C-alpha atoms as a PDB file:
ATOM      1  CA  UNK A   1     -13.775  -3.109  43.256  1.00  0.00           C
ATOM      2  CA  UNK A   2     -16.782  -2.140  40.937  1.00  0.00           C
ATOM      3  CA  UNK A   3     -14.968   0.908  40.004  1.00  0.00           C
ATOM      4  CA  UNK A   4     -11.924  -0.742  39.176  1.00  0.00           C
ATOM      5  CA  UNK A   5     -13.919  -3.264  37.000  1.00  0.00           C
ATOM      6  CA  UNK A   6     -15.951  -0.266  35.271  1.00  0.00           C
ATOM      7  CA  UNK A   7     -12.750   1.812  34.546  1.00  0.00           C
ATOM      8  CA  UNK A   8     -10.819  -1.435  33.240  1.00  0.00           C
ATOM      9  CA  UNK A   9     -13.930  -1.895  31.107  1.00  0.00           C
ATOM     10  CA  UNK A  10     -14.146   1.523  29.772  1.00  0.00           C
ATOM     11  CA  UNK A  11     -10.343   1.625  29.002  1.00  0.00           C
ATOM     12  CA  UNK A  12     -10.465  -1.944  27.081  1.00  0.00           C
ATOM     13  CA  UNK A  13     -13.508  -0.352  25.016  1.00  0.00           C
ATOM     14  CA  UNK A  14     -11.522   2.765  24.310  1.00  0.00           C
ATOM     15  CA  UNK A  15      -8.410   0.477  23.282  1.00  0.00           C
ATOM     16  CA  UNK A  16     -10.515  -1.374  20.902  1.00  0.00           C
ATOM     17  CA  UNK A  17     -11.915   1.579  19.308  1.00  0.00           C
ATOM     18  CA  UNK A  18      -8.668   3.311  19.080  1.00  0.00           C
ATOM     19  CA  UNK A  19      -7.255   0.237  17.318  1.00  0.00           C
ATOM     20  CA  UNK A  20     -10.170  -0.169  15.013  1.00  0.00           C
ATOM     21  CA  UNK A  21     -10.060   3.494  14.217  1.00  0.00           C
ATOM     22  CA  UNK A  22      -6.482   3.299  13.859  1.00  0.00           C
ATOM     23  CA  UNK A  23      -6.324   1.646  10.440  1.00  0.00           C
ATOM     24  CA  UNK A  24      -8.742   3.449   8.174  1.00  0.00           C
ATOM     25  CA  UNK A  25      -7.164   2.061   5.140  1.00  0.00           C
ATOM     26  CA  UNK A  26      -7.229  -1.565   3.833  1.00  0.00           C
ATOM     27  CA  UNK A  27      -4.923  -2.371   1.036  1.00  0.00           C
ATOM     28  CA  UNK A  28      -4.726  -5.047  -1.252  1.00  0.00           C
ATOM     29  CA  UNK A  29      -1.432  -5.338  -3.118  1.00  0.00           C
ATOM     30  CA  UNK A  30      -0.769  -7.502  -6.439  1.00  0.00           C
ATOM     31  CA  UNK A  31       1.887  -7.707  -8.992  1.00  0.00           C
ATOM     32  CA  UNK A  32       1.082  -7.729 -12.570  1.00  0.00           C
ATOM     33  CA  UNK A  33       2.127 -10.092 -14.112  1.00  0.00           C
ATOM     34  CA  UNK A  34       2.775 -12.452 -11.309  1.00  0.00           C
ATOM     35  CA  UNK A  35       5.323 -14.507 -13.282  1.00  0.00           C
ATOM     36  CA  UNK A  36       8.392 -12.234 -14.774  1.00  0.00           C
ATOM     37  CA  UNK A  37      11.679 -13.077 -16.478  1.00  0.00           C
ATOM     38  CA  UNK A  38      15.110 -11.161 -15.664  1.00  0.00           C
ATOM     39  CA  UNK A  39      15.093  -7.660 -17.223  1.00  0.00           C
ATOM     40  CA  UNK A  40      11.176  -7.850 -17.382  1.00  0.00           C
ATOM     41  CA  UNK A  41       9.015  -4.795 -16.683  1.00  0.00           C
ATOM     42  CA  UNK A  42       5.883  -5.094 -14.075  1.00  0.00           C
ATOM     43  CA  UNK A  43       4.129  -3.019 -11.890  1.00  0.00           C
ATOM     44  CA  UNK A  44       2.527  -3.376  -8.339  1.00  0.00           C
ATOM     45  CA  UNK A  45      -1.082  -2.421  -8.278  1.00  0.00           C
ATOM     46  CA  UNK A  46      -2.472  -1.096  -4.782  1.00  0.00           C
ATOM     47  CA  UNK A  47      -6.322  -1.304  -4.276  1.00  0.00           C
ATOM     48  CA  UNK A  48      -7.149   0.931  -1.528  1.00  0.00           C
ATOM     49  CA  UNK A  49     -10.636   0.758   0.520  1.00  0.00           C
ATOM     50  CA  UNK A  50     -11.397   3.540   2.986  1.00  0.00           C
ATOM     51  CA  UNK A  51     -13.766   3.256   5.817  1.00  0.00           C
ATOM     52  CA  UNK A  52     -17.055   5.324   5.360  1.00  0.00           C
ATOM     53  CA  UNK A  53     -16.629   8.882   6.650  1.00  0.00           C
ATOM     54  CA  UNK A  54     -12.976   8.898   6.430  1.00  0.00           C
ATOM     55  CA  UNK A  55     -10.709  10.626   3.824  1.00  0.00           C
ATOM     56  CA  UNK A  56      -7.075  10.922   3.122  1.00  0.00           C
ATOM     57  CA  UNK A  57      -5.439  14.146   3.005  1.00  0.00           C
ATOM     58  CA  UNK A  58      -2.900  15.111   0.251  1.00  0.00           C
ATOM     59  CA  UNK A  59      -0.913  17.070   2.707  1.00  0.00           C
ATOM     60  CA  UNK A  60       1.210  17.081   4.411  1.00  0.00           C
ATOM     61  CA  UNK A  61       2.032  14.143   2.993  1.00  0.00           C
ATOM     62  CA  UNK A  62       0.913  10.625   1.404  1.00  0.00           C
ATOM     63  CA  UNK A  63       4.006   8.574   1.099  1.00  0.00           C
ATOM     64  CA  UNK A  64       4.063   4.699  -0.582  1.00  0.00           C
ATOM     65  CA  UNK A  65       7.721   3.050   0.803  1.00  0.00           C
ATOM     66  CA  UNK A  66       8.879  -0.460  -0.519  1.00  0.00           C
ATOM     67  CA  UNK A  67      11.068  -2.452   1.909  1.00  0.00           C
ATOM     68  CA  UNK A  68      14.151  -3.667   0.021  1.00  0.00           C
ATOM     69  CA  UNK A  69      13.353  -6.638  -1.994  1.00  0.00           C
ATOM     70  CA  UNK A  70      16.434  -8.385  -3.711  1.00  0.00           C
ATOM     71  CA  UNK A  71      16.019  -8.583  -7.367  1.00  0.00           C
ATOM     72  CA  UNK A  72      13.211  -5.661  -7.954  1.00  0.00           C
ATOM     73  CA  UNK A  73      14.452  -2.073  -9.154  1.00  0.00           C
ATOM     74  CA  UNK A  74      11.991   0.694  -8.551  1.00  0.00           C
ATOM     75  CA  UNK A  75      12.555   4.464 -10.167  1.00  0.00           C
ATOM     76  CA  UNK A  76      12.521   5.582  -6.449  1.00  0.00           C
ATOM     77  CA  UNK A  77      12.937   4.654  -3.037  1.00  0.00           C
ATOM     78  CA  UNK A  78       9.247   6.130  -2.143  1.00  0.00           C
ATOM     79  CA  UNK A  79       6.353   7.721  -4.061  1.00  0.00           C
ATOM     80  CA  UNK A  80       4.118  10.586  -3.245  1.00  0.00           C
ATOM     81  CA  UNK A  81       0.458  11.364  -4.531  1.00  0.00           C
ATOM     82  CA  UNK A  82       2.087  14.000  -6.841  1.00  0.00           C
ATOM     83  CA  UNK A  83       4.627  11.474  -8.146  1.00  0.00           C
ATOM     84  CA  UNK A  84       1.681   9.204  -8.826  1.00  0.00           C
ATOM     85  CA  UNK A  85      -0.829  11.545 -10.156  1.00  0.00           C
ATOM     86  CA  UNK A  86      -3.414  10.767  -7.661  1.00  0.00           C
ATOM     87  CA  UNK A  87      -6.507  13.191  -8.175  1.00  0.00           C
ATOM     88  CA  UNK A  88      -7.030  15.791  -5.553  1.00  0.00           C
ATOM     89  CA  UNK A  89     -10.889  16.171  -4.820  1.00  0.00           C
ATOM     90  CA  UNK A  90     -12.510  19.078  -2.728  1.00  0.00           C
ATOM     91  CA  UNK A  91     -15.640  19.286  -0.770  1.00  0.00           C
ATOM     92  CA  UNK A  92     -16.866  21.666   1.610  1.00  0.00           C
ATOM     93  CA  UNK A  93     -13.172  23.283   1.465  1.00  0.00           C
ATOM     94  CA  UNK A  94     -11.783  20.138   2.611  1.00  0.00           C
ATOM     95  CA  UNK A  95      -9.084  18.513  -0.051  1.00  0.00           C
ATOM     96  CA  UNK A  96      -8.861  14.765   0.015  1.00  0.00           C
ATOM     97  CA  UNK A  97      -7.085  12.097  -2.041  1.00  0.00           C
ATOM     98  CA  UNK A  98      -9.410   9.951  -4.786  1.00  0.00           C
ATOM     99  CA  UNK A  99      -8.040   6.476  -3.712  1.00  0.00           C
ATOM    100  CA  UNK A 100     -10.984   4.696  -5.831  1.00  0.00           C
ATOM    101  CA  UNK A 101      -8.776   3.848  -9.113  1.00  0.00           C
ATOM    102  CA  UNK A 102      -6.180   1.359  -8.129  1.00  0.00           C
ATOM    103  CA  UNK A 103      -2.735   2.847  -7.736  1.00  0.00           C
ATOM    104  CA  UNK A 104       0.071   1.152 -10.454  1.00  0.00           C
ATOM    105  CA  UNK A 105       3.887   1.518  -9.859  1.00  0.00           C
ATOM    106  CA  UNK A 106       6.372   0.369 -12.163  1.00  0.00           C
ATOM    107  CA  UNK A 107       9.318  -1.840 -11.614  1.00  0.00           C
ATOM    108  CA  UNK A 108      11.932  -3.881 -13.238  1.00  0.00           C
ATOM    109  CA  UNK A 109      13.413  -7.264 -12.564  1.00  0.00           C
ATOM    110  CA  UNK A 110      17.213  -7.092 -11.896  1.00  0.00           C
ATOM    111  CA  UNK A 111      19.481  -9.377 -14.129  1.00  0.00           C
ATOM    112  CA  UNK A 112      20.752 -10.811 -11.038  1.00  0.00           C
ATOM    113  CA  UNK A 113      17.396 -11.690  -9.679  1.00  0.00           C
ATOM    114  CA  UNK A 114      16.898 -15.186  -8.246  1.00  0.00           C
ATOM    115  CA  UNK A 115      14.483 -17.601  -9.630  1.00  0.00           C
ATOM    116  CA  UNK A 116      11.407 -18.434  -7.477  1.00  0.00           C
ATOM    117  CA  UNK A 117       8.887 -16.810  -5.348  1.00  0.00           C
ATOM    118  CA  UNK A 118       9.541 -13.199  -3.902  1.00  0.00           C
ATOM    119  CA  UNK A 119       7.317 -11.338  -1.372  1.00  0.00           C
ATOM    120  CA  UNK A 120       7.294  -7.402  -1.880  1.00  0.00           C
ATOM    121  CA  UNK A 121       6.352  -5.535   1.318  1.00  0.00           C
ATOM    122  CA  UNK A 122       5.674  -1.689   1.765  1.00  0.00           C
ATOM    123  CA  UNK A 123       3.699   0.635   3.564  1.00  0.00           C
ATOM    124  CA  UNK A 124       1.667   3.775   3.213  1.00  0.00           C
ATOM    125  CA  UNK A 125       2.161   6.738   5.429  1.00  0.00           C
ATOM    126  CA  UNK A 126      -1.045   9.073   5.535  1.00  0.00           C
ATOM    127  CA  UNK A 127      -3.123  11.490   7.532  1.00  0.00           C
ATOM    128  CA  UNK A 128      -6.452  10.144   7.774  1.00  0.00           C
ATOM    129  CA  UNK A 129      -9.398  12.680   8.850  1.00  0.00           C
ATOM    130  CA  UNK A 130     -12.718  11.793  10.172  1.00  0.00           C
ATOM    131  CA  UNK A 131     -15.515  13.790   8.460  1.00  0.00           C
ATOM    132  CA  UNK A 132     -17.887  13.442  11.411  1.00  0.00           C
ATOM    133  CA  UNK A 133     -15.802  13.068  14.282  1.00  0.00           C
ATOM    134  CA  UNK A 134     -13.615  15.971  13.299  1.00  0.00           C
ATOM    135  CA  UNK A 135     -10.565  14.322  14.117  1.00  0.00           C
ATOM    136  CA  UNK A 136      -7.144  13.593  12.287  1.00  0.00           C
ATOM    137  CA  UNK A 137      -4.801  10.698  12.803  1.00  0.00           C
ATOM    138  CA  UNK A 138      -1.136  10.159  11.377  1.00  0.00           C
ATOM    139  CA  UNK A 139      -1.000   6.585  10.594  1.00  0.00           C
ATOM    140  CA  UNK A 140       0.776   3.909   8.096  1.00  0.00           C
ATOM    141  CA  UNK A 141      -0.687   0.741   6.759  1.00  0.00           C
ATOM    142  CA  UNK A 142       1.237  -2.128   5.812  1.00  0.00           C
ATOM    143  CA  UNK A 143       0.561  -4.143   2.529  1.00  0.00           C
ATOM    144  CA  UNK A 144       2.444  -6.793   0.880  1.00  0.00           C
ATOM    145  CA  UNK A 145       2.265  -8.675  -2.792  1.00  0.00           C
ATOM    146  CA  UNK A 146       4.087 -11.666  -4.279  1.00  0.00           C
ATOM    147  CA  UNK A 147       5.663 -12.562  -7.442  1.00  0.00           C
ATOM    148  CA  UNK A 148       7.466 -15.134  -9.200  1.00  0.00           C
ATOM    149  CA  UNK A 149      11.062 -14.790 -11.274  1.00  0.00           C
ATOM    150  CA  UNK A 150      11.340 -17.426 -13.863  1.00  0.00           C
ATOM    151  CA  UNK A 151      14.071 -18.304 -16.096  1.00  0.00           C
ATOM    152  CA  UNK A 152      13.559 -18.011 -19.929  1.00  0.00           C
ATOM    153  CA  UNK A 153      12.844 -21.272 -21.725  1.00  0.00           C
ATOM    154  CA  UNK A 154      15.393 -22.076 -24.453  1.00  0.00           C
ATOM    155  CA  UNK A 155      14.306 -24.099 -27.486  1.00  0.00           C
ATOM    156  CA  UNK A 156      16.592 -26.505 -29.112  1.00  0.00           C
ATOM    157  CA  UNK A 157      16.414 -26.376 -32.744  1.00  0.00           C
ATOM    158  CA  UNK A 158      15.350 -29.281 -34.645  1.00  0.00           C
ATOM    159  CA  UNK A 159      17.555 -31.047 -37.105  1.00  0.00           C
ATOM    160  CA  UNK A 160      16.307 -31.364 -40.576  1.00  0.00           C
END
């Protein structure tokens, strides 16, 4: 019975460690400006923080994808590190992406966007490398950001 309990405890510890290690990136998404009119341009801003001792490889892929969001028009369906001009650094023969600066992706609000609050959802697919543990992990991390579409205000002309 003790062996089974110890085995289960080890399995749970490994599982918790794997889940914790499985998400090396934390992504905070925002939209600038948060209130937009139809046909107005905005940008999605992604601020990424990486766990200490982890790097993100530029190859084989670093891809940002957006779920369909009614009313928002992006120039592409997905974006790679090279599309976004993310700097590639090298240390000890190992290349990694410099994700210290926020990533900005432009979009336009369509002419048929509904008035009100909208939530944009997306994910980043990437390969994370541990410098100390000498492991790599293909993983994706999700993010979301909110915006508000408003109607233009029309001012009445004053009679003179």
